[in-house]
Amino acid sequence: MFGHNQVPGIGAAEVPAEAYLLDVRENDEWVAGHAPEAHHVPMHTIPARLDEIPVDRDVVVVCRSGGRSAQVVAYLLQSGRDNVRNLDGGMTAWARAGRPMVNEDGGTPQVA
């Protein structure tokens, strides 16, 4: 379903506040820690949920380290989207850059 060559990317420190952050990780990864404004759409549900992904603003796709999100970016590009970029280094890079994180359990957010 997904394949990728070279996809457009962006560093964690450069993600604009107005970007739509699309987190494609699994539920347990999401619960452990995610960006406060992120939207959770697990990778395997992307084809069925394309209409939830904006076409009129920048979309930054994120996973744990950047591999799965790159595959999703490639899929979205093949689907005719031109407003998508991969978060280089994923949530690991996001956390290293000191960007805000929350979790769903009330504990300390972490990248899982």
N, C-alpha and C. Protein backbone atom coordinates (compact mmCIF):
# COMPACT_ATOMS: atom_id res chain seq x y z
N MET A 1 0.82 -1.19 0.00
CA MET A 1 0.00 0.00 0.00
C MET A 1 0.86 1.25 0.00
N PHE A 2 1.89 1.29 0.80
CA PHE A 2 2.73 2.47 0.89
C PHE A 2 4.12 2.15 0.37
N GLY A 3 4.72 3.12 -0.29
CA GLY A 3 6.10 3.01 -0.71
C GLY A 3 6.67 4.41 -0.72
N HIS A 4 7.99 4.53 -0.64
CA HIS A 4 8.52 5.89 -0.67
C HIS A 4 9.92 5.90 -1.25
N ASN A 5 10.18 6.96 -1.95
CA ASN A 5 11.53 7.28 -2.41
C ASN A 5 11.95 8.47 -1.58
N GLN A 6 12.33 9.52 -2.23
CA GLN A 6 12.66 10.75 -1.51
C GLN A 6 11.38 11.55 -1.32
N VAL A 7 11.08 11.93 -0.09
CA VAL A 7 9.89 12.72 0.19
C VAL A 7 10.31 14.04 0.82
N PRO A 8 9.50 15.09 0.63
CA PRO A 8 9.84 16.37 1.26
C PRO A 8 9.76 16.26 2.78
N GLY A 9 10.72 16.87 3.45
CA GLY A 9 10.77 16.80 4.91
C GLY A 9 10.93 18.16 5.53
N ILE A 10 10.77 18.17 6.85
CA ILE A 10 10.93 19.39 7.63
C ILE A 10 11.49 18.99 9.00
N GLY A 11 12.36 19.83 9.55
CA GLY A 11 12.91 19.58 10.88
C GLY A 11 11.92 19.96 11.97
N ALA A 12 12.05 19.33 13.12
CA ALA A 12 11.13 19.58 14.23
C ALA A 12 11.08 21.05 14.63
N ALA A 13 12.21 21.71 14.64
CA ALA A 13 12.26 23.11 15.05
C ALA A 13 11.61 24.05 14.04
N GLU A 14 11.43 23.58 12.80
CA GLU A 14 10.88 24.43 11.74
C GLU A 14 9.39 24.26 11.51
N VAL A 15 8.74 23.34 12.21
CA VAL A 15 7.31 23.11 11.99
C VAL A 15 6.53 24.34 12.44
N PRO A 16 5.80 24.99 11.52
CA PRO A 16 5.05 26.19 11.91
C PRO A 16 3.85 25.85 12.79
N ALA A 17 3.49 26.75 13.66
CA ALA A 17 2.38 26.53 14.59
C ALA A 17 1.07 26.25 13.86
N GLU A 18 0.90 26.81 12.67
CA GLU A 18 -0.36 26.65 11.94
C GLU A 18 -0.43 25.37 11.12
N ALA A 19 0.64 24.58 11.09
CA ALA A 19 0.64 23.33 10.33
C ALA A 19 -0.29 22.31 10.98
N TYR A 20 -0.88 21.47 10.17
CA TYR A 20 -1.69 20.36 10.63
C TYR A 20 -0.74 19.20 10.87
N LEU A 21 -0.56 18.82 12.12
CA LEU A 21 0.37 17.75 12.48
C LEU A 21 -0.40 16.44 12.52
N LEU A 22 -0.07 15.55 11.59
CA LEU A 22 -0.76 14.27 11.42
C LEU A 22 0.11 13.15 12.00
N ASP A 23 -0.30 12.61 13.14
CA ASP A 23 0.44 11.56 13.84
C ASP A 23 -0.10 10.21 13.39
N VAL A 24 0.74 9.41 12.73
CA VAL A 24 0.30 8.15 12.13
C VAL A 24 0.74 6.93 12.95
N ARG A 25 1.16 7.14 14.18
CA ARG A 25 1.62 6.03 15.02
C ARG A 25 0.44 5.22 15.55
N GLU A 26 0.77 4.09 16.15
CA GLU A 26 -0.24 3.21 16.74
C GLU A 26 -0.78 3.83 18.04
N ASN A 27 -1.90 3.31 18.51
CA ASN A 27 -2.58 3.87 19.68
C ASN A 27 -1.69 3.94 20.91
N ASP A 28 -0.92 2.88 21.20
CA ASP A 28 -0.09 2.88 22.40
C ASP A 28 1.00 3.95 22.32
N GLU A 29 1.53 4.19 21.14
CA GLU A 29 2.54 5.23 20.96
C GLU A 29 1.92 6.61 21.18
N TRP A 30 0.72 6.81 20.66
CA TRP A 30 -0.01 8.07 20.81
C TRP A 30 -0.27 8.36 22.29
N VAL A 31 -0.77 7.35 23.01
CA VAL A 31 -1.11 7.51 24.42
C VAL A 31 0.13 7.90 25.23
N ALA A 32 1.28 7.33 24.91
CA ALA A 32 2.51 7.59 25.66
C ALA A 32 2.97 9.03 25.54
N GLY A 33 2.80 9.64 24.37
CA GLY A 33 3.21 11.03 24.21
C GLY A 33 3.05 11.50 22.78
N HIS A 34 2.51 12.70 22.64
CA HIS A 34 2.31 13.29 21.31
C HIS A 34 2.30 14.81 21.41
N ALA A 35 2.41 15.45 20.28
CA ALA A 35 2.34 16.91 20.25
C ALA A 35 0.91 17.34 20.63
N PRO A 36 0.76 18.42 21.39
CA PRO A 36 -0.56 18.82 21.88
C PRO A 36 -1.60 19.05 20.78
N GLU A 37 -1.19 19.60 19.67
CA GLU A 37 -2.14 19.93 18.61
C GLU A 37 -2.22 18.87 17.50
N ALA A 38 -1.58 17.73 17.71
CA ALA A 38 -1.55 16.69 16.68
C ALA A 38 -2.92 16.03 16.52
N HIS A 39 -3.11 15.46 15.34
CA HIS A 39 -4.32 14.71 15.00
C HIS A 39 -3.89 13.27 14.78
N HIS A 40 -4.55 12.35 15.47
CA HIS A 40 -4.15 10.94 15.43
C HIS A 40 -4.95 10.18 14.38
N VAL A 41 -4.24 9.73 13.36
CA VAL A 41 -4.82 8.88 12.32
C VAL A 41 -3.80 7.78 12.06
N PRO A 42 -3.95 6.61 12.70
CA PRO A 42 -2.97 5.55 12.52
C PRO A 42 -2.73 5.23 11.04
N MET A 43 -1.49 4.89 10.71
CA MET A 43 -1.05 4.67 9.33
C MET A 43 -2.00 3.76 8.56
N HIS A 44 -2.40 2.66 9.15
CA HIS A 44 -3.22 1.70 8.41
C HIS A 44 -4.62 2.22 8.10
N THR A 45 -5.03 3.33 8.71
CA THR A 45 -6.37 3.87 8.45
C THR A 45 -6.36 5.04 7.46
N ILE A 46 -5.18 5.45 7.03
CA ILE A 46 -5.07 6.63 6.14
C ILE A 46 -5.95 6.52 4.89
N PRO A 47 -5.88 5.42 4.12
CA PRO A 47 -6.70 5.37 2.90
C PRO A 47 -8.19 5.60 3.15
N ALA A 48 -8.71 5.06 4.24
CA ALA A 48 -10.13 5.21 4.54
C ALA A 48 -10.47 6.58 5.14
N ARG A 49 -9.47 7.32 5.60
CA ARG A 49 -9.71 8.58 6.28
C ARG A 49 -9.10 9.79 5.56
N LEU A 50 -8.84 9.65 4.26
CA LEU A 50 -8.23 10.74 3.49
C LEU A 50 -8.98 12.05 3.61
N ASP A 51 -10.31 11.98 3.69
CA ASP A 51 -11.10 13.21 3.76
C ASP A 51 -10.89 14.00 5.04
N GLU A 52 -10.26 13.40 6.05
CA GLU A 52 -9.96 14.10 7.30
C GLU A 52 -8.68 14.93 7.21
N ILE A 53 -7.89 14.71 6.18
CA ILE A 53 -6.60 15.38 6.04
C ILE A 53 -6.78 16.63 5.19
N PRO A 54 -6.46 17.79 5.72
CA PRO A 54 -6.70 19.04 4.98
C PRO A 54 -5.92 19.12 3.67
N VAL A 55 -6.52 19.80 2.72
CA VAL A 55 -5.86 20.05 1.44
C VAL A 55 -5.49 21.53 1.31
N ASP A 56 -5.96 22.36 2.26
CA ASP A 56 -5.81 23.81 2.15
C ASP A 56 -4.80 24.40 3.13
N ARG A 57 -3.98 23.55 3.76
CA ARG A 57 -2.93 24.05 4.65
C ARG A 57 -1.81 23.02 4.70
N ASP A 58 -0.66 23.43 5.23
CA ASP A 58 0.48 22.53 5.34
C ASP A 58 0.15 21.38 6.28
N VAL A 59 0.52 20.17 5.85
CA VAL A 59 0.35 18.97 6.66
C VAL A 59 1.74 18.38 6.91
N VAL A 60 2.07 18.19 8.18
CA VAL A 60 3.34 17.56 8.57
C VAL A 60 3.00 16.21 9.18
N VAL A 61 3.53 15.14 8.58
CA VAL A 61 3.22 13.78 9.02
C VAL A 61 4.34 13.29 9.93
N VAL A 62 3.94 12.66 11.05
CA VAL A 62 4.92 12.24 12.07
C VAL A 62 4.65 10.82 12.52
N CYS A 63 5.74 10.09 12.78
CA CYS A 63 5.69 8.79 13.45
C CYS A 63 6.79 8.82 14.51
N ARG A 64 7.30 7.68 14.91
CA ARG A 64 8.33 7.67 15.95
C ARG A 64 9.66 8.20 15.44
N SER A 65 10.12 7.70 14.27
CA SER A 65 11.45 8.09 13.79
C SER A 65 11.48 8.64 12.37
N GLY A 66 10.36 8.63 11.68
CA GLY A 66 10.29 9.21 10.35
C GLY A 66 10.09 8.22 9.22
N GLY A 67 10.19 6.93 9.47
CA GLY A 67 10.04 5.93 8.41
C GLY A 67 8.60 5.72 7.97
N ARG A 68 7.73 5.44 8.90
CA ARG A 68 6.31 5.24 8.55
C ARG A 68 5.70 6.52 8.00
N SER A 69 6.04 7.64 8.62
CA SER A 69 5.48 8.91 8.15
C SER A 69 5.95 9.23 6.73
N ALA A 70 7.19 8.86 6.39
CA ALA A 70 7.67 9.06 5.02
C ALA A 70 6.85 8.23 4.04
N GLN A 71 6.47 7.02 4.44
CA GLN A 71 5.63 6.18 3.59
C GLN A 71 4.26 6.82 3.39
N VAL A 72 3.71 7.41 4.45
CA VAL A 72 2.42 8.07 4.35
C VAL A 72 2.53 9.31 3.47
N VAL A 73 3.59 10.08 3.61
CA VAL A 73 3.80 11.25 2.75
C VAL A 73 3.85 10.81 1.29
N ALA A 74 4.59 9.75 1.00
CA ALA A 74 4.68 9.24 -0.38
C ALA A 74 3.30 8.85 -0.89
N TYR A 75 2.52 8.19 -0.07
CA TYR A 75 1.16 7.78 -0.45
C TYR A 75 0.30 9.02 -0.74
N LEU A 76 0.37 10.01 0.14
CA LEU A 76 -0.43 11.22 -0.05
C LEU A 76 0.00 11.97 -1.31
N LEU A 77 1.30 12.03 -1.58
CA LEU A 77 1.79 12.66 -2.81
C LEU A 77 1.25 11.92 -4.03
N GLN A 78 1.27 10.59 -3.98
CA GLN A 78 0.75 9.79 -5.09
C GLN A 78 -0.76 9.97 -5.25
N SER A 79 -1.42 10.36 -4.17
CA SER A 79 -2.86 10.60 -4.21
C SER A 79 -3.21 12.01 -4.67
N GLY A 80 -2.18 12.77 -5.06
CA GLY A 80 -2.42 14.10 -5.59
C GLY A 80 -2.24 15.24 -4.60
N ARG A 81 -1.84 14.93 -3.39
CA ARG A 81 -1.62 15.99 -2.39
C ARG A 81 -0.25 16.61 -2.64
N ASP A 82 -0.15 17.92 -2.50
CA ASP A 82 1.15 18.59 -2.65
C ASP A 82 1.47 19.45 -1.43
N ASN A 83 0.70 19.27 -0.37
CA ASN A 83 0.85 20.10 0.84
C ASN A 83 1.38 19.29 2.01
N VAL A 84 2.08 18.18 1.75
CA VAL A 84 2.51 17.28 2.83
C VAL A 84 4.03 17.19 2.91
N ARG A 85 4.53 17.10 4.15
CA ARG A 85 5.96 16.93 4.41
C ARG A 85 6.13 15.95 5.56
N ASN A 86 7.25 15.27 5.55
CA ASN A 86 7.60 14.33 6.60
C ASN A 86 8.34 15.07 7.72
N LEU A 87 8.02 14.75 8.97
CA LEU A 87 8.78 15.29 10.10
C LEU A 87 10.05 14.47 10.22
N ASP A 88 11.16 15.03 9.77
CA ASP A 88 12.45 14.34 9.80
C ASP A 88 12.80 13.94 11.23
N GLY A 89 13.04 12.65 11.44
CA GLY A 89 13.39 12.17 12.77
C GLY A 89 12.21 11.87 13.66
N GLY A 90 11.01 12.17 13.21
CA GLY A 90 9.79 11.84 13.93
C GLY A 90 9.67 12.45 15.31
N MET A 91 8.89 11.78 16.16
CA MET A 91 8.67 12.27 17.53
C MET A 91 9.96 12.25 18.34
N THR A 92 10.89 11.39 17.97
CA THR A 92 12.17 11.39 18.66
C THR A 92 12.86 12.73 18.48
N ALA A 93 12.87 13.24 17.25
CA ALA A 93 13.46 14.54 16.97
C ALA A 93 12.64 15.67 17.60
N TRP A 94 11.32 15.51 17.60
CA TRP A 94 10.43 16.50 18.21
C TRP A 94 10.78 16.68 19.68
N ALA A 95 10.91 15.56 20.40
CA ALA A 95 11.24 15.61 21.82
C ALA A 95 12.64 16.19 22.04
N ARG A 96 13.60 15.78 21.21
CA ARG A 96 14.97 16.29 21.34
C ARG A 96 15.03 17.79 21.10
N ALA A 97 14.16 18.31 20.25
CA ALA A 97 14.13 19.74 19.96
C ALA A 97 13.43 20.54 21.05
N GLY A 98 12.90 19.83 22.06
CA GLY A 98 12.23 20.52 23.17
C GLY A 98 10.84 21.00 22.84
N ARG A 99 10.24 20.44 21.79
CA ARG A 99 8.87 20.83 21.42
C ARG A 99 7.89 20.24 22.44
N PRO A 100 6.75 20.87 22.65
CA PRO A 100 5.83 20.41 23.69
C PRO A 100 5.24 19.03 23.38
N MET A 101 4.99 18.29 24.46
CA MET A 101 4.36 16.98 24.35
C MET A 101 3.38 16.81 25.50
N VAL A 102 2.35 16.02 25.26
CA VAL A 102 1.37 15.63 26.27
C VAL A 102 1.16 14.13 26.14
N ASN A 103 0.52 13.54 27.16
CA ASN A 103 0.13 12.14 27.01
C ASN A 103 -1.31 11.98 27.47
N GLU A 104 -1.85 10.81 27.26
CA GLU A 104 -3.25 10.57 27.56
C GLU A 104 -3.47 9.95 28.93
N ASP A 105 -2.40 9.63 29.66
CA ASP A 105 -2.51 8.97 30.95
C ASP A 105 -2.25 9.90 32.13
N GLY A 106 -1.93 11.16 31.87
CA GLY A 106 -1.66 12.10 32.94
C GLY A 106 -0.25 12.03 33.49
N GLY A 107 0.61 11.19 32.92
CA GLY A 107 1.98 11.09 33.38
C GLY A 107 2.90 11.94 32.55
N THR A 108 4.18 11.66 32.66
CA THR A 108 5.17 12.37 31.87
C THR A 108 5.16 11.84 30.45
N PRO A 109 4.98 12.70 29.46
CA PRO A 109 4.97 12.24 28.08
C PRO A 109 6.32 11.66 27.67
N GLN A 110 6.28 10.63 26.85
CA GLN A 110 7.51 10.03 26.32
C GLN A 110 7.24 9.51 24.92
N VAL A 111 8.31 9.35 24.17
CA VAL A 111 8.22 8.77 22.84
C VAL A 111 8.32 7.26 23.00
N ALA A 112 7.27 6.57 22.60
CA ALA A 112 7.25 5.10 22.72
C ALA A 112 7.27 4.45 21.36
